[in-house]
Amino acid sequence: MESALITNDAVVFGLLMAILALIFTTSHSKHPGWQKFYKFVPSLLLCYFIPSLLTTFGIVSEEGSSLYFVASRYLLPASLVLLTLSIDLKGIMNLGPKAIIMFFAGTFGIMFGGPLALLIVGTINPEIVGGTGPEAVWRGLSTVAGSWIGGGANQAAMLEVYKPSDDLFGAMVTVDIIVANIWMAFLLYGAGISNRVDGWFKADSSAITKLKNDIEEYRASIAKVPTFVDFVKIIAVAFVITAIGHVAGDTIAPWVKENAPALKDMSLSSNFFWIIVVATTGGLIASFTKLRDLEGAGASKFGSLFLYILVMTIGMKMNIASMLDAPGFFIIGAVWILIHVSILLIVAKVIKAPFFFVAVGSQANVGGAASAPIVASAFHPALAPVGVLLAVLGYALGTYGAILCAEMMRFIS
């Protein structure tokens, strides 16, 4: 953070908000030039990409900054509450089994993509995949497997199990962030052309379209001119449930660590896991009460704003120039994610799954609860909970899948 041009979080946040305002002002402009530009470049992609350029060119730095922590721990759960308030649970259930199939296809792609990537790159250049003891490359890659199947908690579990050196782990964290975020950028772009992709898959996306239309009709039926009291209620509901999530995380996670260590493999000892689960569950419960009517005052708009702020802080985490520090590891990461993508696309083509399921199934693995709802909301804000529900499944399976992946990489090494 000290090497960046701007080191004050308040100034960095102000800069990010100015960029956010500029993006949405231009994306809603009636000027033909801007309309043509945003026809090909989704606004959500810019919210992610521009902050990454600020980091790459040393204007800001994610290191030492608290912005991502605040956005992920406070704004993300609040966003999930507000986006879930108007959820059509029956409509989501009617989406069918293809969402689950694509999620497991994504998990399979990560589990077997790592060993295959190690085999392919090792055949070309054995030095890249070598190392012994704590410096063994497969040990570092095990932490990437944990992150890409479950999330940060599963990555931490792999760090404890396989104990790569600090330097190797640091390099793998960079590979994890850069490769995963580049893939997320492709998914955000794909969301903007999903109709064309669905045409190639010959997919029936009518259930998704119906869900979006039903929610839009419901929102239109209860829309009203919001009052100050409405805004206070919206913010109160969002952050009270978020607070309950933090209480649960601070209480349950330590208890699990101490009294039920076996449950650590399911990420139940992760504070963040409980924050996300309680926020999503709280929003679902509130959707069956009169609080659901807060959607008429714009609850989901607040939720979307919080989510966009999170996207900006995630973008700050990606320094494109850092790929030059360990090019060999990035080659492994790139081959690995390409195998994951190839399996997803093949399965989607076979079962004729809409691109929405491809994107969310992938991101629920690779990105976890922090970014799966972002990709889902790129299709429609009402679909964000679908990403969360699948990401929670990823948390539960992440450690098991990562261990199997790591043992296969150990064998290949």
Protein backbone atom coordinates (compact mmCIF):
# COMPACT_ATOMS: atom_id res chain seq x y z
CA MET A 1 0.00 0.00 0.00
CA GLU A 2 2.90 2.37 0.77
CA SER A 3 4.25 2.08 -2.79
CA ALA A 4 0.93 3.14 -4.33
CA LEU A 5 0.21 6.71 -5.38
CA ILE A 6 -2.97 6.83 -3.24
CA THR A 7 -2.70 5.13 0.16
CA ASN A 8 -5.65 6.61 2.06
CA ASP A 9 -8.63 4.22 2.00
CA ALA A 10 -11.10 7.11 2.15
CA VAL A 11 -9.56 8.65 -0.96
CA VAL A 12 -9.40 5.27 -2.74
CA PHE A 13 -13.06 4.64 -1.92
CA GLY A 14 -14.02 8.08 -3.21
CA LEU A 15 -12.14 7.35 -6.45
CA LEU A 16 -13.93 4.01 -6.84
CA MET A 17 -17.32 5.67 -6.28
CA ALA A 18 -16.50 8.33 -8.88
CA ILE A 19 -15.62 5.58 -11.38
CA LEU A 20 -18.82 3.71 -10.50
CA ALA A 21 -20.91 6.85 -11.08
CA LEU A 22 -19.15 7.51 -14.38
CA ILE A 23 -19.73 3.96 -15.61
CA PHE A 24 -23.45 4.00 -14.84
CA THR A 25 -23.96 7.53 -16.13
CA THR A 26 -22.44 6.60 -19.47
CA SER A 27 -24.09 3.15 -19.60
CA HIS A 28 -27.51 4.80 -19.30
CA SER A 29 -26.66 7.60 -21.72
CA LYS A 30 -28.74 7.97 -24.87
CA HIS A 31 -25.65 8.97 -26.86
CA PRO A 32 -25.26 6.49 -29.78
CA GLY A 33 -21.53 6.07 -29.11
CA TRP A 34 -22.03 4.99 -25.51
CA GLN A 35 -24.97 2.76 -26.43
CA LYS A 36 -22.84 0.99 -29.02
CA PHE A 37 -19.93 0.64 -26.57
CA TYR A 38 -22.04 -0.90 -23.80
CA LYS A 39 -23.68 -3.23 -26.28
CA PHE A 40 -20.36 -5.09 -26.37
CA VAL A 41 -18.84 -4.23 -22.97
CA PRO A 42 -21.03 -4.94 -19.89
CA SER A 43 -20.95 -2.20 -17.27
CA LEU A 44 -20.31 -4.80 -14.57
CA LEU A 45 -17.14 -5.88 -16.38
CA LEU A 46 -15.85 -2.28 -16.33
CA CYS A 47 -16.59 -2.05 -12.59
CA TYR A 48 -14.21 -4.93 -12.15
CA PHE A 49 -11.59 -4.15 -14.82
CA ILE A 50 -10.91 -0.44 -14.24
CA PRO A 51 -9.90 -0.88 -10.55
CA SER A 52 -7.53 -3.67 -11.67
CA LEU A 53 -5.83 -1.16 -13.97
CA LEU A 54 -5.49 1.27 -11.06
CA THR A 55 -3.68 -1.46 -9.11
CA THR A 56 -1.56 -2.58 -12.07
CA PHE A 57 -0.27 0.96 -12.69
CA GLY A 58 0.40 1.61 -9.00
CA ILE A 59 -2.27 4.25 -8.46
CA VAL A 60 -3.89 2.19 -5.67
CA SER A 61 -3.01 -1.06 -3.91
CA GLU A 62 -5.11 -3.74 -2.27
CA GLU A 63 -2.29 -4.57 0.15
CA GLY A 64 -2.86 -2.80 3.45
CA SER A 65 -6.32 -1.67 2.37
CA SER A 66 -9.41 -2.59 4.38
CA LEU A 67 -11.88 -1.89 1.58
CA TYR A 68 -12.27 -5.49 0.40
CA PHE A 69 -12.64 -6.75 3.96
CA VAL A 70 -15.37 -4.20 4.72
CA ALA A 71 -17.17 -4.87 1.43
CA SER A 72 -17.04 -8.67 1.79
CA ARG A 73 -17.91 -8.83 5.50
CA TYR A 74 -20.48 -6.03 5.75
CA LEU A 75 -21.80 -5.04 2.33
CA LEU A 76 -21.90 -8.52 0.76
CA PRO A 77 -24.11 -10.12 3.44
CA ALA A 78 -26.29 -6.98 3.53
CA SER A 79 -26.59 -7.23 -0.25
CA LEU A 80 -27.60 -10.89 -0.05
CA VAL A 81 -30.32 -10.03 2.46
CA LEU A 82 -31.79 -7.31 0.24
CA LEU A 83 -31.53 -9.29 -3.00
CA THR A 84 -33.20 -12.28 -1.33
CA LEU A 85 -36.14 -10.30 0.10
CA SER A 86 -38.10 -10.53 -3.13
CA ILE A 87 -36.89 -14.00 -4.07
CA ASP A 88 -39.25 -16.39 -5.79
CA LEU A 89 -38.15 -19.61 -4.05
CA LYS A 90 -40.62 -21.73 -5.99
CA GLY A 91 -39.35 -20.22 -9.23
CA ILE A 92 -35.76 -21.10 -8.31
CA MET A 93 -36.79 -24.67 -7.54
CA ASN A 94 -38.45 -24.81 -10.95
CA LEU A 95 -35.09 -24.08 -12.61
CA GLY A 96 -34.54 -27.84 -12.46
CA PRO A 97 -31.49 -30.06 -11.94
CA LYS A 98 -29.25 -28.53 -14.62
CA ALA A 99 -27.87 -25.93 -12.19
CA ILE A 100 -26.65 -28.70 -9.86
CA ILE A 101 -25.28 -30.75 -12.76
CA MET A 102 -23.24 -27.79 -14.01
CA PHE A 103 -21.98 -27.08 -10.49
CA PHE A 104 -20.66 -30.63 -10.16
CA ALA A 105 -19.23 -30.46 -13.69
CA GLY A 106 -17.29 -27.40 -12.53
CA THR A 107 -16.09 -29.23 -9.42
CA PHE A 108 -15.01 -32.21 -11.53
CA GLY A 109 -13.15 -29.83 -13.87
CA ILE A 110 -11.15 -28.36 -10.99
CA MET A 111 -10.46 -31.71 -9.27
CA PHE A 112 -9.08 -33.38 -12.39
CA GLY A 113 -7.92 -30.22 -14.16
CA GLY A 114 -5.14 -29.66 -11.62
CA PRO A 115 -3.46 -33.05 -12.09
CA LEU A 116 -3.90 -32.84 -15.88
CA ALA A 117 -2.41 -29.34 -15.97
CA LEU A 118 0.54 -30.55 -13.89
CA LEU A 119 1.02 -33.50 -16.27
CA ILE A 120 0.80 -31.37 -19.42
CA VAL A 121 3.10 -28.57 -18.22
CA GLY A 122 5.48 -31.07 -16.58
CA THR A 123 5.84 -32.96 -19.84
CA ILE A 124 6.86 -29.76 -21.61
CA ASN A 125 9.02 -28.31 -18.81
CA PRO A 126 9.61 -30.57 -15.76
CA GLU A 127 11.43 -27.78 -13.87
CA ILE A 128 8.20 -25.79 -13.45
CA VAL A 129 6.43 -28.58 -11.56
CA GLY A 130 9.34 -29.81 -9.44
CA GLY A 131 10.51 -28.95 -5.94
CA THR A 132 10.86 -31.00 -2.79
CA GLY A 133 9.57 -30.75 0.76
CA PRO A 134 7.69 -27.51 1.49
CA GLU A 135 8.83 -26.18 -1.91
CA ALA A 136 7.08 -28.96 -3.86
CA VAL A 137 4.86 -27.23 -6.41
CA TRP A 138 2.00 -29.70 -5.90
CA ARG A 139 1.76 -28.60 -2.26
CA GLY A 140 1.24 -25.00 -3.33
CA LEU A 141 -1.27 -26.04 -5.97
CA SER A 142 -3.29 -27.86 -3.31
CA THR A 143 -4.19 -24.45 -1.85
CA VAL A 144 -5.40 -23.28 -5.27
CA ALA A 145 -7.58 -26.40 -5.47
CA GLY A 146 -9.09 -25.57 -2.08
CA SER A 147 -9.83 -22.01 -3.16
CA TRP A 148 -11.27 -22.99 -6.56
CA ILE A 149 -13.59 -25.70 -5.23
CA GLY A 150 -14.76 -24.04 -2.02
CA GLY A 151 -13.22 -20.71 -1.12
CA GLY A 152 -10.87 -19.02 1.32
CA ALA A 153 -11.70 -21.31 4.23
CA ASN A 154 -10.96 -24.41 2.15
CA GLN A 155 -7.74 -22.82 0.91
CA ALA A 156 -6.68 -22.25 4.52
CA ALA A 157 -7.48 -25.90 5.28
CA MET A 158 -5.18 -27.05 2.46
CA LEU A 159 -2.45 -24.76 3.76
CA GLU A 160 -2.67 -26.50 7.13
CA VAL A 161 -2.81 -30.01 5.65
CA TYR A 162 0.00 -29.80 3.06
CA LYS A 163 2.08 -26.93 4.50
CA PRO A 164 3.75 -25.36 1.44
CA SER A 165 6.45 -22.79 2.18
CA ASP A 166 5.43 -19.17 2.73
CA ASP A 167 7.06 -18.06 -0.53
CA LEU A 168 5.38 -20.81 -2.54
CA PHE A 169 2.01 -20.11 -0.95
CA GLY A 170 2.37 -16.39 -1.71
CA ALA A 171 3.00 -17.18 -5.38
CA MET A 172 0.00 -19.49 -5.48
CA VAL A 173 -2.27 -16.87 -3.94
CA THR A 174 -1.28 -14.57 -6.80
CA VAL A 175 -2.02 -17.30 -9.35
CA ASP A 176 -5.37 -17.95 -7.65
CA ILE A 177 -6.44 -14.30 -7.71
CA ILE A 178 -5.21 -13.39 -11.21
CA VAL A 179 -6.36 -16.50 -13.10
CA ALA A 180 -9.72 -16.72 -11.30
CA ASN A 181 -10.44 -13.04 -11.82
CA ILE A 182 -9.53 -13.12 -15.51
CA TRP A 183 -11.97 -16.02 -15.90
CA MET A 184 -14.62 -14.05 -14.01
CA ALA A 185 -14.12 -11.20 -16.48
CA PHE A 186 -14.93 -13.60 -19.34
CA LEU A 187 -18.05 -14.77 -17.50
CA LEU A 188 -19.23 -11.18 -17.00
CA TYR A 189 -18.74 -10.55 -20.70
CA GLY A 190 -20.53 -13.79 -21.51
CA ALA A 191 -23.52 -12.67 -19.45
CA GLY A 192 -23.99 -9.85 -21.95
CA ILE A 193 -24.14 -12.25 -24.91
CA SER A 194 -25.85 -15.15 -23.12
CA ASN A 195 -28.66 -15.33 -25.68
CA ARG A 196 -26.18 -16.08 -28.45
CA VAL A 197 -24.37 -18.67 -26.33
CA ASP A 198 -27.69 -20.30 -25.43
CA GLY A 199 -28.43 -20.51 -29.13
CA TRP A 200 -25.18 -22.39 -29.68
CA PHE A 201 -25.98 -24.75 -26.79
CA LYS A 202 -29.56 -25.09 -28.13
CA ALA A 203 -30.52 -24.48 -24.52
CA ASP A 204 -33.99 -23.78 -23.19
CA SER A 205 -33.69 -20.78 -20.87
CA SER A 206 -37.46 -20.27 -20.55
CA ALA A 207 -37.46 -21.15 -16.81
CA ILE A 208 -34.83 -18.47 -16.15
CA THR A 209 -36.71 -15.95 -18.26
CA LYS A 210 -39.98 -16.77 -16.47
CA LEU A 211 -38.31 -16.33 -13.07
CA LYS A 212 -36.92 -12.93 -14.08
CA ASN A 213 -40.27 -11.83 -15.52
CA ASP A 214 -42.21 -12.99 -12.45
CA ILE A 215 -39.93 -11.04 -10.13
CA GLU A 216 -40.07 -7.96 -12.36
CA GLU A 217 -43.89 -8.14 -12.36
CA TYR A 218 -43.96 -8.50 -8.58
CA ARG A 219 -41.63 -5.53 -8.13
CA ALA A 220 -43.73 -3.42 -10.48
CA SER A 221 -46.92 -4.34 -8.60
CA ILE A 222 -45.61 -3.09 -5.25
CA ALA A 223 -43.47 -0.18 -6.50
CA LYS A 224 -44.06 3.13 -4.76
CA VAL A 225 -42.36 6.45 -4.11
CA PRO A 226 -40.01 5.60 -1.22
CA THR A 227 -39.95 7.67 1.94
CA PHE A 228 -37.09 8.30 4.36
CA VAL A 229 -38.68 5.79 6.74
CA ASP A 230 -38.58 3.15 3.98
CA PHE A 231 -34.86 3.75 3.47
CA VAL A 232 -34.21 3.45 7.20
CA LYS A 233 -36.14 0.17 7.33
CA ILE A 234 -34.24 -1.23 4.33
CA ILE A 235 -30.83 -0.43 5.79
CA ALA A 236 -31.90 -1.67 9.24
CA VAL A 237 -33.11 -5.03 7.92
CA ALA A 238 -29.94 -5.51 5.87
CA PHE A 239 -27.48 -4.74 8.63
CA VAL A 240 -29.40 -6.26 11.55
CA ILE A 241 -29.43 -9.62 9.77
CA THR A 242 -25.78 -9.07 8.83
CA ALA A 243 -25.05 -8.44 12.52
CA ILE A 244 -26.80 -11.69 13.46
CA GLY A 245 -24.58 -13.43 10.92
CA HIS A 246 -21.48 -12.00 12.57
CA VAL A 247 -22.73 -13.08 16.00
CA ALA A 248 -23.27 -16.58 14.63
CA GLY A 249 -19.82 -16.60 13.05
CA ASP A 250 -18.12 -15.34 16.20
CA THR A 251 -19.97 -17.92 18.32
CA ILE A 252 -20.37 -21.07 16.23
CA ALA A 253 -17.07 -21.08 14.31
CA PRO A 254 -14.84 -21.10 17.44
CA TRP A 255 -17.08 -23.74 19.05
CA VAL A 256 -16.71 -26.00 16.01
CA LYS A 257 -12.92 -25.58 16.02
CA GLU A 258 -12.72 -26.57 19.66
CA ASN A 259 -15.44 -29.19 20.04
CA ALA A 260 -16.07 -30.68 16.60
CA PRO A 261 -12.82 -30.49 14.59
CA ALA A 262 -14.14 -33.08 12.12
CA LEU A 263 -16.63 -30.46 10.88
CA LYS A 264 -13.75 -28.21 9.79
CA ASP A 265 -13.63 -30.18 6.55
CA MET A 266 -17.06 -28.77 5.70
CA SER A 267 -15.90 -25.18 6.42
CA LEU A 268 -18.16 -25.04 9.47
CA SER A 269 -15.29 -23.53 11.44
CA SER A 270 -15.14 -20.55 9.08
CA ASN A 271 -16.52 -17.27 10.41
CA PHE A 272 -17.24 -16.07 6.88
CA PHE A 273 -19.22 -19.25 6.09
CA TRP A 274 -21.69 -18.54 8.89
CA ILE A 275 -22.01 -14.86 7.95
CA ILE A 276 -23.03 -15.81 4.40
CA VAL A 277 -25.34 -18.66 5.46
CA VAL A 278 -27.17 -16.55 8.07
CA ALA A 279 -27.49 -13.57 5.71
CA THR A 280 -28.98 -15.74 2.96
CA THR A 281 -31.23 -17.64 5.37
CA GLY A 282 -32.34 -14.41 7.05
CA GLY A 283 -33.27 -12.90 3.70
CA LEU A 284 -35.21 -16.04 2.78
CA ILE A 285 -37.15 -15.97 6.05
CA ALA A 286 -37.87 -12.24 5.68
CA SER A 287 -39.24 -12.89 2.17
CA PHE A 288 -42.18 -14.74 3.79
CA THR A 289 -43.06 -11.72 5.96
CA LYS A 290 -44.31 -8.18 5.35
CA LEU A 291 -40.66 -7.13 5.05
CA ARG A 292 -40.91 -8.45 1.49
CA ASP A 293 -42.87 -5.27 0.64
CA LEU A 294 -39.69 -3.24 1.19
CA GLU A 295 -38.82 -4.29 -2.35
CA GLY A 296 -41.39 -1.75 -3.50
CA ALA A 297 -39.22 0.99 -1.98
CA GLY A 298 -36.11 -0.25 -3.77
CA ALA A 299 -34.52 -2.82 -1.43
CA SER A 300 -32.88 -4.72 -4.29
CA LYS A 301 -31.41 -1.47 -5.67
CA PHE A 302 -29.54 -0.98 -2.40
CA GLY A 303 -28.46 -4.62 -2.61
CA SER A 304 -27.17 -4.15 -6.15
CA LEU A 305 -25.24 -1.03 -5.14
CA PHE A 306 -23.52 -2.92 -2.31
CA LEU A 307 -22.68 -5.71 -4.73
CA TYR A 308 -21.16 -3.29 -7.25
CA ILE A 309 -18.99 -1.79 -4.50
CA LEU A 310 -17.76 -5.31 -3.73
CA VAL A 311 -16.95 -5.82 -7.43
CA MET A 312 -14.82 -2.66 -7.40
CA THR A 313 -12.82 -3.88 -4.39
CA ILE A 314 -12.36 -7.33 -5.96
CA GLY A 315 -10.98 -5.62 -9.05
CA MET A 316 -8.39 -3.90 -6.85
CA LYS A 317 -7.02 -7.33 -5.91
CA MET A 318 -5.86 -8.08 -9.46
CA ASN A 319 -2.45 -6.76 -10.47
CA ILE A 320 -1.98 -7.95 -14.03
CA ALA A 321 1.77 -7.16 -13.95
CA SER A 322 2.33 -9.70 -11.17
CA MET A 323 1.88 -12.47 -13.74
CA LEU A 324 5.47 -11.76 -14.78
CA ASP A 325 6.81 -12.76 -11.33
CA ALA A 326 6.07 -16.48 -11.69
CA PRO A 327 5.13 -17.18 -15.33
CA GLY A 328 5.47 -20.95 -14.97
CA PHE A 329 2.89 -21.13 -12.21
CA PHE A 330 0.53 -18.97 -14.24
CA ILE A 331 0.88 -21.36 -17.17
CA ILE A 332 -0.23 -24.20 -14.89
CA GLY A 333 -3.14 -22.06 -13.63
CA ALA A 334 -4.17 -21.10 -17.17
CA VAL A 335 -4.12 -24.72 -18.41
CA TRP A 336 -6.03 -25.78 -15.28
CA ILE A 337 -8.82 -23.25 -15.75
CA LEU A 338 -9.04 -24.07 -19.48
CA ILE A 339 -9.64 -27.74 -18.62
CA HIS A 340 -12.33 -26.64 -16.15
CA VAL A 341 -13.96 -24.46 -18.83
CA SER A 342 -13.75 -27.18 -21.49
CA ILE A 343 -15.53 -29.71 -19.27
CA LEU A 344 -18.23 -27.17 -18.41
CA LEU A 345 -18.86 -26.32 -22.06
CA ILE A 346 -18.95 -29.98 -23.12
CA VAL A 347 -21.43 -30.90 -20.39
CA ALA A 348 -23.54 -27.81 -21.12
CA LYS A 349 -23.65 -28.71 -24.81
CA VAL A 350 -24.66 -32.30 -24.05
CA ILE A 351 -27.46 -31.46 -21.59
CA LYS A 352 -28.36 -28.19 -23.38
CA ALA A 353 -27.88 -26.10 -20.26
CA PRO A 354 -28.29 -22.30 -20.46
CA PHE A 355 -25.09 -20.26 -20.15
CA PHE A 356 -26.41 -18.90 -16.83
CA PHE A 357 -25.91 -22.35 -15.29
CA VAL A 358 -22.44 -22.59 -16.81
CA ALA A 359 -21.39 -19.23 -15.39
CA VAL A 360 -22.89 -19.68 -11.93
CA GLY A 361 -21.83 -23.32 -11.66
CA SER A 362 -18.26 -22.32 -12.46
CA GLN A 363 -18.13 -19.27 -10.22
CA ALA A 364 -19.73 -21.08 -7.27
CA ASN A 365 -16.59 -23.25 -7.40
CA VAL A 366 -13.84 -20.88 -8.47
CA GLY A 367 -15.07 -17.68 -6.83
CA GLY A 368 -17.20 -18.87 -3.92
CA ALA A 369 -19.78 -16.82 -2.07
CA ALA A 370 -17.96 -13.53 -2.67
CA SER A 371 -18.27 -13.56 -6.45
CA ALA A 372 -20.89 -16.19 -7.43
CA PRO A 373 -23.75 -13.74 -6.70
CA ILE A 374 -21.93 -11.09 -8.74
CA VAL A 375 -21.87 -13.29 -11.83
CA ALA A 376 -25.48 -14.40 -11.21
CA SER A 377 -26.65 -10.80 -10.85
CA ALA A 378 -24.97 -9.93 -14.16
CA PHE A 379 -27.83 -11.90 -15.74
CA HIS A 380 -30.41 -10.36 -13.40
CA PRO A 381 -30.22 -9.05 -9.80
CA ALA A 382 -33.01 -11.44 -8.79
CA LEU A 383 -30.80 -14.40 -9.67
CA ALA A 384 -28.02 -13.55 -7.19
CA PRO A 385 -29.33 -16.00 -4.52
CA VAL A 386 -28.87 -18.89 -6.98
CA GLY A 387 -25.13 -18.17 -6.95
CA VAL A 388 -25.07 -18.01 -3.16
CA LEU A 389 -26.89 -21.31 -2.69
CA LEU A 390 -24.47 -23.13 -5.01
CA ALA A 391 -21.46 -21.44 -3.40
CA VAL A 392 -22.54 -22.73 0.01
CA LEU A 393 -22.57 -26.23 -1.51
CA GLY A 394 -19.01 -25.55 -2.69
CA TYR A 395 -17.97 -24.69 0.85
CA ALA A 396 -19.23 -28.07 2.06
CA LEU A 397 -17.45 -30.08 -0.65
CA GLY A 398 -14.34 -27.95 -1.11
CA THR A 399 -11.97 -29.60 1.35
CA TYR A 400 -12.81 -33.15 0.26
CA GLY A 401 -12.45 -32.34 -3.43
CA ALA A 402 -9.22 -30.40 -2.86
CA ILE A 403 -7.63 -33.26 -0.89
CA LEU A 404 -8.44 -35.74 -3.67
CA CYS A 405 -7.05 -33.29 -6.24
CA ALA A 406 -3.88 -32.72 -4.17
CA GLU A 407 -3.23 -36.44 -3.77
CA MET A 408 -3.53 -36.94 -7.53
CA MET A 409 -1.07 -34.06 -8.07
CA ARG A 410 1.29 -35.63 -5.52
CA PHE A 411 1.15 -38.92 -7.45
CA ILE A 412 1.85 -37.20 -10.78
CA SER A 413 4.73 -35.21 -9.29
